[in-house]
Amino acid sequence: MAAQVKLYDTTLRDGTQGEGISLSVDDKIKIANKLDQMGVHYIEGGWPGSNPKDLNFFERAKDLSLDQAIITAFGMTRRPGLKAEEDPNLKRILESGVEAAALVGKTWDFHVTEAVQTSLEENVNMIYDSVCFLKEHGLEVIFDAEHFFDGFKNNKAYALKTILAAEDAGADCVTLCDTNGGSLPSDIAAILTEVQNELKVEIGIHCHNDGELGVANTLEAVNAGASHIQGTINGYGERCGNANLVSVIPNLQLKMGIECVSSDQLKQLTETSKYIHELANQTPPNGQPFTGKSAFAHKGGMHVSAVLKHPETYEHVTPEKIGNERRVLVSELAGQSNLLFKAKELGLSLDKSNPAVKETIEKMKDMEHKGYQYEAAEASFELLIRNGMGENHDYFQLDHFKIITHKEKEGSFTTEAVVKMIIKDQTVMTAAEGNGPVNALDHALRKAIGEFYPLVHEMYLSDYKVRVLDEAEATASTVRVLIESSDGKETWSTIGVSANIIEASWHALVDSIRYYFMKQRNRLEEVELFSSMPTEGVKNH
């Protein structure tokens, strides 16, 4: 087993073959810089012979100032019957200006005869000639032995003949590819061990994830002697994706003791994963190992109690080493430990002997039984804790509201909300129109509050989600509304639950405003508003 490995990232080429993944040239330049900062040794920029976007990338990549990463181009061996110097794809590789190239060639006899439709001998010549051509022009050449493990199982002698031809031609590394992603770790280990007895050059591994074994197969290959690791960030790739470097890197470094990147670079792993998800316009999976939001999230009370004493009881690595963080969730499964941990996070002094702890836990469990889910709405949960501790955030109270909708046969649909509120001992009635009932209600509420608390105009609703909780009840189902709000600097989430979607939305809206006012209470206390207003009567707007 190697003491150190080289990381070869193919997110910009193989990763973009994944369904739904599309990167602009600007995106690819940004990702290349990020991968270099992360400590990746090789960055495969694309296939310069395949499309204008990749040609543009390689042109712009010439101006990149990378600390250590080498930009590589991808290409295939020469076409049957052509000389290497006549092959347009090989010429595009040279024109790209790269110092290194990954050259893929067929190693499975079935593919040679049925897909390429040439002779087995011509395919060996294609590999040899193509590697020689690039080496003669001063490039570092990594030969990607496509379908090698399937080829080895089908015709061992021929598969070995192909990679020996690449070595004889001067390839610097031979990468064994599990292109169909169907091999088991035992297959990888056994075959790679045999190959080591035949090859003298560096051996690499390139695994796909069709059997959900891409990471496991990669680690097994390293155990068997591979020292060149190919994969993609977040496991992007065709079909089920490629080996996920986000999992491969920490497993190698933290568990197998094999150096990949520096400890400081390893701390960038979570941020890099999220950054590339964002550029690829992909929603980061909460459950993604190592870097996901839920990777170090603890929900069960017994788990939390143990983690607070010794984190290793329920954490396989220290989250800070990979730039992630421990999270404690609150739910019907929570106990005192969850509540005390969250209170500490919020800067609240709450002792377990305080009766408010038990009362708040019971309140929380009752609310979750009704459909509330505080782990997704931590602003509402903080209000729940603070209310349990005796804090009062009733900056305003509802008297009543009503929603009026109007739809003409061929006309537009209009909605008006009327709210009657009690604010600072004043009764205020306002009306507002909006794009739908929730939007109209939001406008009317802000209009009523705004004259007393101008801060309400600094915040806005940034996301709105509705989930049906009991689908069997059809239109009478209970719904859960999650609202995300922001002031342009911070975001927070609140929740409301009811059989009436408008009422659920109201609860979430009110929590959102009360939470913001609570966070801004120092500013609220500094300004005395409407001190001369009458104390009785109804104010209409």
Protein backbone atom coordinates (compact mmCIF):
# COMPACT_ATOMS: atom_id res chain seq x y z
CA MET A 1 0.00 0.00 0.00
CA ALA A 2 1.36 3.39 -1.02
CA ALA A 3 2.24 5.93 1.67
CA GLN A 4 1.00 8.72 -0.57
CA VAL A 5 -1.42 8.91 -3.48
CA LYS A 6 -2.07 11.33 -6.31
CA LEU A 7 -5.59 12.68 -6.75
CA TYR A 8 -6.90 12.95 -10.28
CA ASP A 9 -10.19 14.86 -10.47
CA THR A 10 -12.43 14.41 -13.50
CA THR A 11 -15.41 16.49 -12.33
CA LEU A 12 -15.03 18.87 -15.27
CA ARG A 13 -15.18 16.05 -17.81
CA ASP A 14 -16.60 12.78 -16.50
CA GLY A 15 -18.68 14.61 -13.89
CA THR A 16 -20.47 16.71 -16.49
CA GLN A 17 -21.71 13.52 -18.15
CA GLY A 18 -24.05 13.09 -15.20
CA GLU A 19 -27.73 13.78 -15.81
CA GLY A 20 -28.64 17.35 -14.90
CA ILE A 21 -25.00 18.51 -14.59
CA SER A 22 -23.97 21.39 -16.83
CA LEU A 23 -21.07 23.75 -16.24
CA SER A 24 -20.21 26.91 -18.12
CA VAL A 25 -16.62 27.77 -18.96
CA ASP A 26 -16.64 30.29 -16.10
CA ASP A 27 -17.91 27.56 -13.75
CA LYS A 28 -15.13 25.22 -14.84
CA ILE A 29 -12.47 27.89 -14.27
CA LYS A 30 -13.82 28.55 -10.77
CA ILE A 31 -13.92 24.85 -9.95
CA ALA A 32 -10.38 24.35 -11.21
CA ASN A 33 -9.14 27.06 -8.85
CA LYS A 34 -11.10 25.53 -5.95
CA LEU A 35 -9.72 22.03 -6.64
CA ASP A 36 -6.19 23.42 -6.72
CA GLN A 37 -6.75 25.04 -3.33
CA MET A 38 -8.03 21.68 -2.07
CA GLY A 39 -4.76 20.00 -3.01
CA VAL A 40 -5.84 17.97 -6.05
CA HIS A 41 -2.84 16.92 -8.15
CA TYR A 42 -4.50 16.60 -11.58
CA ILE A 43 -7.57 18.38 -12.94
CA GLU A 44 -9.05 16.89 -16.10
CA GLY A 45 -10.45 19.90 -17.92
CA GLY A 46 -12.35 18.10 -20.65
CA TRP A 47 -12.02 16.69 -24.15
CA PRO A 48 -10.59 19.38 -26.46
CA GLY A 49 -11.57 17.41 -29.54
CA SER A 50 -15.24 17.10 -28.65
CA ASN A 51 -16.79 20.58 -28.28
CA PRO A 52 -16.08 24.35 -28.41
CA LYS A 53 -16.73 24.79 -24.67
CA ASP A 54 -13.81 22.54 -23.75
CA LEU A 55 -11.58 24.21 -26.31
CA ASN A 56 -12.45 27.55 -24.72
CA PHE A 57 -11.69 26.19 -21.25
CA PHE A 58 -8.21 25.03 -22.21
CA GLU A 59 -7.48 28.38 -23.85
CA ARG A 60 -8.46 30.22 -20.66
CA ALA A 61 -6.77 27.66 -18.42
CA LYS A 62 -3.40 28.75 -19.84
CA ASP A 63 -3.72 31.91 -17.75
CA LEU A 64 -4.53 30.09 -14.49
CA SER A 65 -1.97 30.46 -11.70
CA LEU A 66 -2.32 27.14 -9.91
CA ASP A 67 -0.27 26.22 -6.86
CA GLN A 68 0.19 22.53 -7.60
CA ALA A 69 -2.51 21.06 -9.83
CA ILE A 70 -1.74 20.04 -13.40
CA ILE A 71 -4.47 20.65 -15.98
CA THR A 72 -4.91 17.56 -18.14
CA ALA A 73 -6.78 16.92 -21.37
CA PHE A 74 -8.77 13.80 -22.17
CA GLY A 75 -8.79 11.96 -25.46
CA MET A 76 -9.00 8.59 -27.18
CA THR A 77 -6.42 6.52 -28.95
CA ARG A 78 -6.10 7.09 -32.70
CA ARG A 79 -8.82 5.85 -34.98
CA PRO A 80 -8.34 2.52 -36.77
CA GLY A 81 -6.39 2.88 -39.99
CA LEU A 82 -5.09 6.38 -39.22
CA LYS A 83 -1.58 7.39 -38.27
CA ALA A 84 -1.35 9.00 -34.83
CA GLU A 85 -0.05 12.27 -36.27
CA GLU A 86 -3.10 12.39 -38.58
CA ASP A 87 -5.69 11.81 -35.89
CA PRO A 88 -7.65 15.05 -35.24
CA ASN A 89 -8.39 14.23 -31.57
CA LEU A 90 -4.74 13.68 -30.74
CA LYS A 91 -3.84 16.91 -32.53
CA ARG A 92 -6.45 18.78 -30.45
CA ILE A 93 -4.75 17.51 -27.29
CA LEU A 94 -1.44 19.00 -28.41
CA GLU A 95 -3.10 22.26 -29.41
CA SER A 96 -4.73 22.58 -25.96
CA GLY A 97 -1.31 23.37 -24.50
CA VAL A 98 -1.55 20.91 -21.58
CA GLU A 99 1.42 19.21 -19.95
CA ALA A 100 -0.44 15.95 -19.32
CA ALA A 101 -3.16 13.92 -20.99
CA ALA A 102 -5.39 11.00 -20.12
CA LEU A 103 -5.68 8.71 -23.10
CA VAL A 104 -8.47 6.14 -23.03
CA GLY A 105 -8.15 2.90 -24.93
CA LYS A 106 -10.09 -0.34 -25.24
CA THR A 107 -8.92 -3.32 -23.18
CA TRP A 108 -11.99 -5.59 -23.43
CA ASP A 109 -11.87 -7.74 -26.58
CA PHE A 110 -15.67 -7.64 -26.83
CA HIS A 111 -15.58 -3.83 -27.13
CA VAL A 112 -12.78 -3.93 -29.68
CA THR A 113 -14.59 -6.22 -32.08
CA GLU A 114 -18.19 -5.07 -31.49
CA ALA A 115 -17.97 -1.35 -30.62
CA VAL A 116 -14.81 -0.18 -32.42
CA GLN A 117 -15.16 -2.94 -35.01
CA THR A 118 -11.48 -3.47 -35.60
CA SER A 119 -9.05 -6.30 -35.03
CA LEU A 120 -7.54 -7.07 -31.64
CA GLU A 121 -4.06 -6.49 -33.05
CA GLU A 122 -4.97 -3.12 -34.57
CA ASN A 123 -6.37 -1.99 -31.19
CA VAL A 124 -3.04 -2.82 -29.51
CA ASN A 125 -1.25 -0.82 -32.22
CA MET A 126 -3.67 2.09 -31.69
CA ILE A 127 -2.75 2.19 -27.99
CA TYR A 128 0.98 1.95 -28.63
CA ASP A 129 1.06 4.53 -31.44
CA SER A 130 -1.09 7.07 -29.58
CA VAL A 131 0.92 6.95 -26.36
CA CYS A 132 4.18 7.20 -28.33
CA PHE A 133 2.88 10.22 -30.25
CA LEU A 134 2.02 12.19 -27.10
CA LYS A 135 5.23 11.19 -25.33
CA GLU A 136 7.27 12.31 -28.34
CA HIS A 137 5.71 15.76 -27.89
CA GLY A 138 6.74 15.91 -24.24
CA LEU A 139 3.43 15.16 -22.53
CA GLU A 140 2.92 13.15 -19.37
CA VAL A 141 0.59 10.34 -20.42
CA ILE A 142 -1.93 8.55 -18.23
CA PHE A 143 -3.40 5.57 -20.03
CA ASP A 144 -6.99 4.90 -18.99
CA ALA A 145 -7.61 1.19 -19.56
CA GLU A 146 -11.33 1.30 -20.31
CA HIS A 147 -13.46 -1.65 -19.14
CA PHE A 148 -10.30 -3.28 -17.85
CA PHE A 149 -11.88 -5.42 -15.12
CA ASP A 150 -14.58 -6.79 -17.47
CA GLY A 151 -11.94 -7.32 -20.11
CA PHE A 152 -9.63 -9.13 -17.68
CA LYS A 153 -12.43 -11.49 -16.65
CA ASN A 154 -13.33 -12.21 -20.29
CA ASN A 155 -9.86 -12.46 -21.82
CA LYS A 156 -7.09 -12.00 -19.29
CA ALA A 157 -4.23 -12.40 -21.76
CA TYR A 158 -5.56 -9.76 -24.13
CA ALA A 159 -6.39 -7.24 -21.40
CA LEU A 160 -2.83 -7.54 -20.08
CA LYS A 161 -1.46 -7.19 -23.61
CA THR A 162 -3.18 -3.81 -24.04
CA ILE A 163 -1.80 -2.25 -20.87
CA LEU A 164 1.68 -3.66 -21.49
CA ALA A 165 1.58 -1.96 -24.91
CA ALA A 166 0.83 1.35 -23.16
CA GLU A 167 3.72 0.79 -20.75
CA ASP A 168 6.09 -0.12 -23.58
CA ALA A 169 5.10 3.07 -25.40
CA GLY A 170 6.13 5.15 -22.39
CA ALA A 171 2.92 5.72 -20.43
CA ASP A 172 3.68 7.27 -17.04
CA CYS A 173 0.66 5.67 -15.38
CA VAL A 174 -1.79 2.93 -16.30
CA THR A 175 -5.23 3.47 -14.78
CA LEU A 176 -7.46 0.43 -14.51
CA CYS A 177 -11.08 1.42 -15.15
CA ASP A 178 -14.19 -0.26 -13.82
CA THR A 179 -16.19 1.55 -16.49
CA ASN A 180 -19.47 -0.31 -16.03
CA GLY A 181 -19.19 0.00 -12.25
CA GLY A 182 -20.19 -3.62 -11.67
CA SER A 183 -17.11 -5.05 -9.99
CA LEU A 184 -16.95 -6.07 -6.34
CA PRO A 185 -14.11 -5.04 -4.00
CA SER A 186 -12.82 -8.63 -4.04
CA ASP A 187 -12.62 -8.46 -7.88
CA ILE A 188 -10.69 -5.19 -7.73
CA ALA A 189 -8.19 -6.48 -5.17
CA ALA A 190 -7.53 -9.81 -6.88
CA ILE A 191 -7.10 -8.40 -10.38
CA LEU A 192 -5.03 -5.41 -9.32
CA THR A 193 -2.70 -7.71 -7.38
CA GLU A 194 -2.11 -9.77 -10.53
CA VAL A 195 -1.53 -6.65 -12.64
CA GLN A 196 1.14 -5.44 -10.21
CA ASN A 197 3.20 -8.48 -11.11
CA GLU A 198 3.07 -7.48 -14.79
CA LEU A 199 3.51 -3.70 -14.78
CA LYS A 200 6.43 -1.57 -13.65
CA VAL A 201 4.75 1.83 -14.06
CA GLU A 202 2.44 3.55 -11.60
CA ILE A 203 -1.03 1.97 -11.38
CA GLY A 204 -4.19 4.02 -11.08
CA ILE A 205 -7.84 3.23 -10.41
CA HIS A 206 -11.00 4.71 -11.97
CA CYS A 207 -14.29 3.35 -10.60
CA HIS A 208 -17.91 4.03 -11.43
CA ASN A 209 -20.67 3.67 -8.88
CA ASP A 210 -23.30 1.50 -10.58
CA GLY A 211 -23.11 -1.09 -7.79
CA GLU A 212 -22.78 1.67 -5.15
CA LEU A 213 -19.24 0.46 -4.59
CA GLY A 214 -17.26 3.21 -6.30
CA VAL A 215 -15.67 4.44 -3.07
CA ALA A 216 -15.20 0.95 -1.61
CA ASN A 217 -13.59 -0.31 -4.83
CA THR A 218 -11.26 2.69 -4.94
CA LEU A 219 -10.11 2.13 -1.36
CA GLU A 220 -9.62 -1.58 -2.04
CA ALA A 221 -7.49 -0.73 -5.08
CA VAL A 222 -5.28 1.49 -2.91
CA ASN A 223 -4.95 -1.36 -0.42
CA ALA A 224 -3.80 -3.52 -3.31
CA GLY A 225 -1.18 -1.00 -4.49
CA ALA A 226 -2.83 1.70 -6.65
CA SER A 227 -1.37 5.15 -6.03
CA HIS A 228 -3.20 7.24 -8.66
CA ILE A 229 -6.85 7.87 -7.72
CA GLN A 230 -9.46 9.10 -10.19
CA GLY A 231 -12.90 10.34 -9.19
CA THR A 232 -15.21 13.34 -9.07
CA ILE A 233 -16.31 15.77 -6.38
CA ASN A 234 -19.73 14.75 -5.00
CA GLY A 235 -19.63 11.61 -7.14
CA TYR A 236 -20.98 13.31 -10.27
CA GLY A 237 -20.85 11.18 -13.39
CA GLU A 238 -22.72 9.22 -16.01
CA ARG A 239 -25.49 6.86 -14.90
CA CYS A 240 -24.92 6.39 -11.14
CA GLY A 241 -21.80 8.52 -11.03
CA ASN A 242 -18.11 8.08 -10.32
CA ALA A 243 -16.17 7.31 -7.17
CA ASN A 244 -16.84 10.25 -4.86
CA LEU A 245 -13.59 11.98 -3.93
CA VAL A 246 -15.40 13.73 -1.08
CA SER A 247 -15.59 10.31 0.61
CA VAL A 248 -12.39 8.82 -0.82
CA ILE A 249 -10.09 11.59 0.47
CA PRO A 250 -11.04 11.54 4.19
CA ASN A 251 -11.22 7.74 4.25
CA LEU A 252 -7.69 7.52 2.84
CA GLN A 253 -6.27 10.23 5.04
CA LEU A 254 -8.09 9.82 8.36
CA LYS A 255 -8.62 6.06 8.39
CA MET A 256 -5.94 4.49 6.22
CA GLY A 257 -3.15 6.90 7.10
CA ILE A 258 -2.40 7.68 3.44
CA GLU A 259 -1.50 11.29 2.75
CA CYS A 260 -3.63 12.98 0.10
CA VAL A 261 -3.75 16.66 1.05
CA SER A 262 -2.57 18.80 3.95
CA SER A 263 -4.65 18.98 7.13
CA ASP A 264 -5.57 22.59 6.29
CA GLN A 265 -6.71 21.54 2.82
CA LEU A 266 -8.75 18.70 4.30
CA LYS A 267 -10.65 21.29 6.34
CA GLN A 268 -11.80 22.81 3.04
CA LEU A 269 -13.55 19.57 2.01
CA THR A 270 -17.07 20.49 3.14
CA GLU A 271 -16.89 24.00 1.70
CA THR A 272 -15.53 22.65 -1.61
CA SER A 273 -18.28 20.05 -1.83
CA LYS A 274 -20.99 22.65 -1.25
CA TYR A 275 -19.34 25.17 -3.58
CA ILE A 276 -19.37 22.71 -6.48
CA HIS A 277 -22.93 21.62 -5.72
CA GLU A 278 -23.88 25.29 -5.96
CA LEU A 279 -22.11 25.93 -9.27
CA ALA A 280 -23.62 22.75 -10.71
CA ASN A 281 -27.06 23.93 -9.53
CA GLN A 282 -27.53 20.79 -7.47
CA THR A 283 -29.19 20.57 -4.06
CA PRO A 284 -26.59 19.19 -1.60
CA PRO A 285 -27.94 15.90 -0.16
CA ASN A 286 -28.30 16.30 3.61
CA GLY A 287 -27.18 12.71 4.06
CA GLN A 288 -24.00 12.96 1.96
CA PRO A 289 -21.27 11.23 4.00
CA PHE A 290 -18.65 13.49 5.59
CA THR A 291 -19.84 16.82 4.13
CA GLY A 292 -23.64 16.64 4.29
CA LYS A 293 -25.65 18.79 6.67
CA SER A 294 -26.84 15.64 8.46
CA ALA A 295 -23.48 13.84 8.49
CA PHE A 296 -22.89 14.82 12.13
CA ALA A 297 -26.47 15.56 13.17
CA HIS A 298 -27.75 13.86 16.34
CA LYS A 299 -31.43 13.50 17.09
CA GLY A 300 -32.05 10.74 19.64
CA GLY A 301 -31.77 11.92 23.24
CA MET A 302 -29.57 8.98 24.26
CA HIS A 303 -27.19 9.69 21.38
CA VAL A 304 -26.95 13.38 22.24
CA SER A 305 -26.25 12.64 25.88
CA ALA A 306 -23.36 10.37 24.91
CA VAL A 307 -21.98 12.73 22.24
CA LEU A 308 -21.87 15.62 24.70
CA LYS A 309 -19.65 13.50 26.96
CA HIS A 310 -17.55 11.80 24.30
CA PRO A 311 -18.23 12.72 20.62
CA GLU A 312 -16.55 9.55 19.38
CA THR A 313 -19.43 7.49 20.80
CA TYR A 314 -21.53 8.34 17.74
CA GLU A 315 -19.08 10.04 15.34
CA HIS A 316 -16.62 8.09 13.23
CA VAL A 317 -14.39 11.12 12.58
CA THR A 318 -14.07 14.60 14.05
CA PRO A 319 -16.27 16.86 11.89
CA GLU A 320 -13.96 19.89 12.24
CA LYS A 321 -11.16 17.98 10.48
CA ILE A 322 -13.15 18.07 7.25
CA GLY A 323 -14.72 21.48 7.76
CA ASN A 324 -18.11 20.21 8.92
CA GLU A 325 -19.82 20.73 12.27
CA ARG A 326 -21.78 18.83 14.87
CA ARG A 327 -25.50 19.53 15.01
CA VAL A 328 -28.08 18.55 17.60
CA LEU A 329 -31.63 18.24 16.31
CA VAL A 330 -34.79 18.77 18.27
CA SER A 331 -37.79 16.49 17.85
CA GLU A 332 -40.13 14.16 19.65
CA LEU A 333 -37.09 11.92 20.18
CA ALA A 334 -35.25 14.65 22.09
CA GLY A 335 -34.38 14.58 25.76
CA GLN A 336 -32.83 17.00 28.22
CA SER A 337 -29.43 16.75 26.53
CA ASN A 338 -30.83 17.99 23.20
CA LEU A 339 -32.54 20.94 24.82
CA LEU A 340 -29.54 21.93 26.96
CA PHE A 341 -27.23 21.66 23.95
CA LYS A 342 -29.48 23.87 21.83
CA ALA A 343 -29.86 26.37 24.66
CA LYS A 344 -26.08 26.58 24.96
CA GLU A 345 -25.81 27.11 21.17
CA LEU A 346 -28.25 29.99 21.51
CA GLY A 347 -26.30 31.53 24.37
CA LEU A 348 -29.00 30.77 26.91
CA SER A 349 -28.23 29.79 30.49
CA LEU A 350 -30.52 26.84 31.18
CA ASP A 351 -29.89 24.36 33.97
CA LYS A 352 -31.38 20.87 33.87
CA SER A 353 -32.89 21.47 37.32
CA ASN A 354 -34.97 24.31 35.87
CA PRO A 355 -38.62 23.18 35.62
CA ALA A 356 -38.77 24.99 32.27
CA VAL A 357 -36.62 22.24 30.74
CA LYS A 358 -39.14 19.48 31.34
CA GLU A 359 -42.09 21.73 30.48
CA THR A 360 -40.47 22.81 27.19
CA ILE A 361 -39.66 19.22 26.23
CA GLU A 362 -43.26 18.18 26.84
CA LYS A 363 -44.52 21.19 24.89
CA MET A 364 -42.16 20.40 22.01
CA LYS A 365 -43.23 16.75 21.88
CA ASP A 366 -46.88 17.75 21.90
CA MET A 367 -46.32 20.20 19.07
CA GLU A 368 -44.40 17.66 17.01
CA HIS A 369 -47.21 15.16 17.56
CA LYS A 370 -49.47 17.74 15.89
CA GLY A 371 -47.12 17.97 12.90
CA TYR A 372 -44.51 20.56 13.85
CA GLN A 373 -40.92 19.75 12.88
CA TYR A 374 -38.51 22.00 14.72
CA GLU A 375 -35.33 20.57 13.25
CA ALA A 376 -36.34 22.35 10.02
CA ALA A 377 -37.44 25.54 11.78
CA GLU A 378 -34.91 26.49 14.40
CA ALA A 379 -36.19 30.07 14.71
CA SER A 380 -39.58 28.76 15.88
CA PHE A 381 -37.76 26.40 18.23
CA GLU A 382 -35.76 29.23 19.78
CA LEU A 383 -38.98 31.12 20.41
CA LEU A 384 -40.38 27.97 22.04
CA ILE A 385 -37.39 27.74 24.40
CA ARG A 386 -37.41 31.42 25.27
CA ASN A 387 -41.16 31.39 25.88
CA GLY A 388 -40.63 28.40 28.16
CA MET A 389 -38.07 30.45 30.09
CA GLY A 390 -40.63 33.19 30.61
CA GLU A 391 -39.56 35.62 27.89
CA ASN A 392 -42.37 37.53 26.23
CA HIS A 393 -42.25 38.21 22.48
CA ASP A 394 -45.84 39.34 22.01
CA TYR A 395 -45.02 42.57 20.21
CA PHE A 396 -48.46 42.37 18.61
CA GLN A 397 -51.59 40.27 18.90
CA LEU A 398 -54.22 39.24 16.40
CA ASP A 399 -57.84 40.24 16.81
CA HIS A 400 -58.92 38.65 13.52
CA PHE A 401 -58.17 38.50 9.82
CA LYS A 402 -60.15 37.64 6.71
CA ILE A 403 -59.18 36.82 3.14
CA ILE A 404 -61.27 37.97 0.18
CA THR A 405 -60.72 36.51 -3.27
CA HIS A 406 -62.31 37.51 -6.54
CA LYS A 407 -62.21 35.63 -9.84
CA GLU A 408 -64.07 36.70 -12.97
CA LYS A 409 -64.97 34.22 -15.67
CA GLU A 410 -62.32 35.47 -18.08
CA GLY A 411 -60.54 37.90 -15.83
CA SER A 412 -57.69 37.91 -13.40
CA PHE A 413 -57.69 36.46 -9.90
CA THR A 414 -57.33 39.01 -7.10
CA THR A 415 -56.84 38.54 -3.37
CA GLU A 416 -57.27 40.99 -0.51
CA ALA A 417 -56.43 40.44 3.14
CA VAL A 418 -57.87 42.43 6.05
CA VAL A 419 -56.24 42.15 9.49
CA LYS A 420 -57.22 43.64 12.82
CA MET A 421 -54.32 43.77 15.30
CA ILE A 422 -53.62 44.93 18.84
CA ILE A 423 -50.27 46.75 18.88
CA LYS A 424 -48.99 48.70 21.88
CA ASP A 425 -52.51 48.83 23.26
CA GLN A 426 -53.77 50.23 19.95
CA THR A 427 -56.32 48.53 17.72
CA VAL A 428 -55.23 48.71 14.09
CA MET A 429 -57.11 47.52 11.03
CA THR A 430 -55.39 47.31 7.64
CA ALA A 431 -56.06 45.84 4.22
CA ALA A 432 -53.69 44.89 1.41
CA GLU A 433 -53.74 43.06 -1.90
CA GLY A 434 -51.30 40.40 -2.86
CA ASN A 435 -50.36 37.67 -5.31
CA GLY A 436 -52.39 35.00 -3.56
CA PRO A 437 -53.78 34.76 -0.02
CA VAL A 438 -50.49 34.27 1.81
CA ASN A 439 -48.81 37.16 0.02
CA ALA A 440 -51.81 39.42 0.69
CA LEU A 441 -51.82 38.42 4.36
CA ASP A 442 -48.09 39.09 4.61
CA HIS A 443 -48.55 42.57 3.10
CA ALA A 444 -51.45 43.43 5.40
CA LEU A 445 -49.61 42.23 8.50
CA ARG A 446 -46.51 44.27 7.65
CA LYS A 447 -48.65 47.30 6.89
CA ALA A 448 -50.27 47.06 10.32
CA ILE A 449 -47.01 46.54 12.16
CA GLY A 450 -44.79 48.87 10.13
CA GLU A 451 -45.98 52.16 11.62
CA PHE A 452 -45.15 50.91 15.13
CA TYR A 453 -42.10 48.80 14.26
CA PRO A 454 -40.38 50.07 11.07
CA LEU A 455 -37.82 47.26 11.37
CA VAL A 456 -40.38 44.91 9.81
CA HIS A 457 -39.56 46.49 6.43
CA GLU A 458 -35.94 45.31 6.71
CA MET A 459 -36.92 41.64 6.47
CA TYR A 460 -38.65 39.70 3.72
CA LEU A 461 -39.95 36.22 2.95
CA SER A 462 -37.36 34.36 0.86
CA ASP A 463 -38.89 30.88 0.59
CA TYR A 464 -42.25 29.23 1.20
CA LYS A 465 -42.89 25.48 1.33
CA VAL A 466 -46.03 23.45 2.00
CA ARG A 467 -46.20 19.77 2.83
CA VAL A 468 -49.35 17.66 3.21
CA LEU A 469 -49.00 15.55 6.37
CA ASP A 470 -51.90 13.09 6.02
CA GLU A 471 -52.56 12.54 2.34
CA ALA A 472 -55.40 10.08 3.02
CA GLU A 473 -57.54 13.01 4.15
CA ALA A 474 -57.24 14.62 0.70
CA THR A 475 -58.34 18.28 0.77
CA ALA A 476 -59.02 18.05 4.54
CA SER A 477 -55.39 17.11 5.24
CA THR A 478 -53.23 18.81 7.83
CA VAL A 479 -50.49 20.85 6.18
CA ARG A 480 -47.11 22.02 7.40
CA VAL A 481 -45.86 25.39 6.18
CA LEU A 482 -42.17 26.26 6.36
CA ILE A 483 -41.19 29.88 5.75
CA GLU A 484 -37.64 31.10 5.28
CA SER A 485 -37.07 34.80 5.92
CA SER A 486 -34.07 37.07 5.53
CA ASP A 487 -32.85 40.58 6.19
CA GLY A 488 -30.21 40.29 3.48
CA LYS A 489 -27.58 39.24 6.02
CA GLU A 490 -29.06 36.33 7.92
CA THR A 491 -31.78 33.78 7.15
CA TRP A 492 -34.09 31.96 9.53
CA SER A 493 -36.89 29.40 9.24
CA THR A 494 -40.24 29.22 10.98
CA ILE A 495 -43.11 26.75 10.92
CA GLY A 496 -46.89 26.60 11.14
CA VAL A 497 -49.24 23.58 11.12
CA SER A 498 -53.00 23.46 10.61
CA ALA A 499 -55.72 21.80 8.58
CA ASN A 500 -56.12 25.27 7.04
CA ILE A 501 -53.18 26.34 4.89
CA ILE A 502 -53.88 30.03 5.58
CA GLU A 503 -53.79 29.51 9.35
CA ALA A 504 -50.58 27.46 9.09
CA SER A 505 -49.03 30.23 7.00
CA TRP A 506 -50.15 32.84 9.53
CA HIS A 507 -48.41 31.04 12.41
CA ALA A 508 -45.18 30.78 10.40
CA LEU A 509 -45.37 34.46 9.34
CA VAL A 510 -45.96 35.67 12.89
CA ASP A 511 -43.09 33.55 14.25
CA SER A 512 -40.80 34.94 11.55
CA ILE A 513 -41.51 38.57 12.55
CA ARG A 514 -41.40 37.89 16.28
CA TYR A 515 -38.07 36.10 15.90
CA TYR A 516 -36.58 39.05 14.00
CA PHE A 517 -37.86 41.56 16.55
CA MET A 518 -36.41 39.43 19.36
CA LYS A 519 -33.01 39.44 17.65
CA GLN A 520 -33.28 43.20 17.16
CA ARG A 521 -34.74 43.96 20.60
CA ASN A 522 -31.89 46.33 21.49
CA ARG A 523 -32.76 48.48 18.50
CA LEU A 524 -36.45 48.32 19.36
CA GLU A 525 -35.76 49.53 22.89
CA GLU A 526 -33.65 52.45 21.69
CA VAL A 527 -36.51 54.08 19.77
CA GLU A 528 -39.74 55.27 21.34
CA LEU A 529 -42.38 55.16 18.66
CA PHE A 530 -45.74 56.84 18.72
CA SER A 531 -45.55 57.73 22.40
CA SER A 532 -48.24 60.35 21.91
CA MET A 533 -50.75 58.06 20.20
CA PRO A 534 -54.21 57.70 21.84
CA THR A 535 -54.70 54.58 23.90
CA GLU A 536 -58.19 53.72 22.66
CA GLY A 537 -60.05 53.40 19.42
CA VAL A 538 -59.44 51.79 16.09
CA LYS A 539 -56.84 53.10 13.66
CA ASN A 540 -57.65 52.32 10.01
CA HIS A 541 -55.14 52.19 7.19
